Structure formats: structure tokens, C-alpha cells
Protein backbone atom coordinates (compact mmCIF):
# COMPACT_ATOMS: atom_id res chain seq x y z
CA MET A 1 -54.76 -48.02 36.65
CA ASP A 2 -51.46 -46.25 35.88
CA LEU A 3 -50.28 -43.53 38.36
CA PRO A 4 -48.68 -40.41 36.90
CA CYS A 5 -44.94 -40.19 37.13
CA VAL A 6 -45.05 -36.75 38.48
CA GLU A 7 -47.62 -35.15 40.62
CA ILE A 8 -47.97 -31.30 40.01
CA ILE A 9 -49.68 -29.29 42.56
CA ALA A 10 -52.47 -26.99 41.32
CA ARG A 11 -50.57 -23.80 42.31
CA ALA A 12 -47.62 -24.82 40.17
CA LEU A 13 -49.83 -25.34 37.08
CA ASP A 14 -50.28 -21.59 36.77
CA GLU A 15 -46.61 -21.06 37.03
CA ILE A 16 -45.93 -23.69 34.43
CA ARG A 17 -48.36 -21.97 32.00
CA MET A 18 -46.78 -18.63 32.57
CA LEU A 19 -43.22 -19.95 32.06
CA LYS A 20 -44.32 -21.67 28.78
CA GLU A 21 -45.85 -18.41 27.60
CA LEU A 22 -42.73 -16.46 28.44
CA THR A 23 -40.62 -19.20 26.55
CA TRP A 24 -42.82 -18.80 23.52
CA HIS A 25 -42.76 -15.13 23.55
CA TYR A 26 -39.01 -14.42 24.33
CA VAL A 27 -37.37 -17.45 22.77
CA ILE A 28 -39.31 -19.46 20.29
CA LEU A 29 -41.18 -16.54 18.59
CA ASN A 30 -38.25 -14.04 18.98
CA THR A 31 -37.41 -12.82 15.45
CA ASP A 32 -33.64 -12.31 16.17
CA LEU A 33 -33.29 -15.87 17.37
CA VAL A 34 -35.38 -17.38 14.67
CA THR A 35 -33.30 -15.64 12.08
CA VAL A 36 -30.02 -16.92 13.63
CA GLN A 37 -31.48 -20.35 13.82
CA TYR A 38 -32.60 -20.35 10.25
CA GLY A 39 -29.00 -19.44 9.20
CA GLN A 40 -27.49 -22.17 11.47
CA LYS A 41 -29.87 -24.78 10.04
CA ARG A 42 -28.86 -23.67 6.47
CA ILE A 43 -25.22 -24.10 7.28
CA VAL A 44 -25.60 -27.46 8.76
CA ARG A 45 -27.87 -28.60 5.89
CA GLU A 46 -25.54 -27.27 3.16
CA THR A 47 -22.29 -28.65 4.77
CA LEU A 48 -23.99 -32.01 5.25
CA ASN A 49 -25.19 -32.24 1.63
CA ILE A 50 -21.72 -31.30 0.48
CA MET A 51 -20.05 -33.93 2.68
CA ILE A 52 -22.57 -36.61 1.66
CA GLU A 53 -21.76 -35.95 -2.01
CA ALA A 54 -18.07 -36.09 -1.26
CA ALA A 55 -18.50 -39.35 0.79
CA SER A 56 -20.00 -40.93 -2.44
CA ARG A 57 -17.02 -39.87 -4.69
CA GLU A 58 -13.68 -41.39 -3.81
CA LYS A 59 -11.80 -38.45 -5.39
CA GLN A 60 -13.37 -36.07 -2.86
CA TRP A 61 -12.60 -38.25 0.26
CA ASN A 62 -9.71 -35.77 0.95
CA LEU A 63 -12.34 -33.37 2.42
CA PHE A 64 -12.61 -35.75 5.40
CA PRO A 65 -10.03 -36.17 8.07
CA GLY A 66 -8.01 -39.40 7.93
CA ALA A 67 -10.06 -41.53 10.33
CA CYS A 68 -13.14 -40.85 8.08
CA ARG A 69 -11.25 -41.74 4.95
CA GLY A 70 -10.31 -45.04 6.53
CA GLU A 71 -13.98 -45.77 7.38
CA LEU A 72 -15.06 -44.74 3.78
CA GLU A 73 -12.31 -47.05 2.37
CA ALA A 74 -13.67 -49.90 4.61
CA ALA A 75 -17.24 -49.16 3.54
CA ARG A 76 -16.35 -48.98 -0.18
CA ASN A 77 -17.06 -52.68 -1.16
CA GLY A 78 -19.45 -53.41 1.70
CA PRO A 79 -22.97 -54.62 1.09
CA ASN A 80 -24.39 -51.41 2.61
CA ARG A 81 -22.08 -49.00 0.97
CA GLU A 82 -24.58 -46.14 0.51
CA GLN A 83 -25.82 -46.43 4.07
CA GLU A 84 -22.36 -46.54 5.53
CA THR A 85 -21.07 -43.63 3.55
CA LEU A 86 -24.11 -41.60 4.51
CA ARG A 87 -23.55 -42.53 8.21
CA ILE A 88 -19.90 -41.46 8.01
CA ALA A 89 -20.77 -38.03 6.60
CA VAL A 90 -23.50 -37.48 9.04
CA ASP A 91 -21.23 -38.49 11.97
CA TYR A 92 -18.52 -36.34 10.77
CA VAL A 93 -20.71 -33.16 10.48
CA ALA A 94 -22.59 -34.05 13.80
CA GLY A 95 -19.34 -34.17 15.60
CA MET A 96 -18.22 -30.61 14.66
CA THR A 97 -18.35 -27.85 17.14
CA GLU A 98 -20.23 -24.66 15.90
CA THR A 99 -16.89 -22.91 15.16
CA GLU A 100 -15.52 -26.03 13.13
CA LEU A 101 -18.98 -26.15 11.20
CA ILE A 102 -18.79 -22.53 10.23
CA LYS A 103 -15.15 -22.69 9.27
CA THR A 104 -15.68 -25.85 7.21
CA TYR A 105 -18.79 -24.31 5.59
CA ASP A 106 -16.98 -21.11 4.64
CA ALA A 107 -14.09 -23.20 3.21
CA LEU A 108 -16.45 -25.47 1.21
CA THR A 109 -18.43 -22.72 -0.19
CA ALA A 110 -15.67 -20.12 -0.55
CA GLY A 111 -17.61 -17.77 1.67
CA THR A 112 -20.51 -17.45 -0.74
């Protein structure tokens, strides 16, 4: 018989339920936050799609910083070229701060 990792006293269960409800009401279902999150997801998705396309086209490698271009060059003739170029693009975008991402997105889309 497996013992639970954490034992929660009965009195705390009501507090946990209340905190979950507050989180849902004020955070997860908050219209303003959902709107911002939607926009943020769109910026990440569109920037990533642009960088994935650029990674697959050598003439667009200049959109990446030098270290990434070196990785793309190394992956160019490898047996897993597509997977490697995808990983490089994903790693590049994932490593951006929010400010860097927005700046890059604006530059790539000319603010449209």
C-alpha cells in the first residue's frame, strides 16, 4: 500500500478549495489577463514560425545571432538537419526575454 506523499489536514482542504476558486476567478478567468495572454501567445507563435522558416533557408540565417548561425551551419549537412534546425530556432526564441521577444517580433513583422 502506497502512502500519500503529503498529508493534508481536513481543515486545510476548505482553505485549498477557497484558494483554487479565487485563483480561477481572479487569475485564470480574468478577461484582461486572458486578453494579454492571448496576445503574448500570438507573438511567441508568430516569431517562432518566422524563425523556423528562416532556419530552413540559409539566406535568412542572418536573422539569427552569430552563435546560432554557427549551429545552423554545423547542422546543415547532418543526418537530422530538419530536427536540428527546428531545435535551434526553438531554443533561440525560448531564450529571449519578454522585451527581446517583443522587439524581435516588431522588427520581423514591421509592427503590423
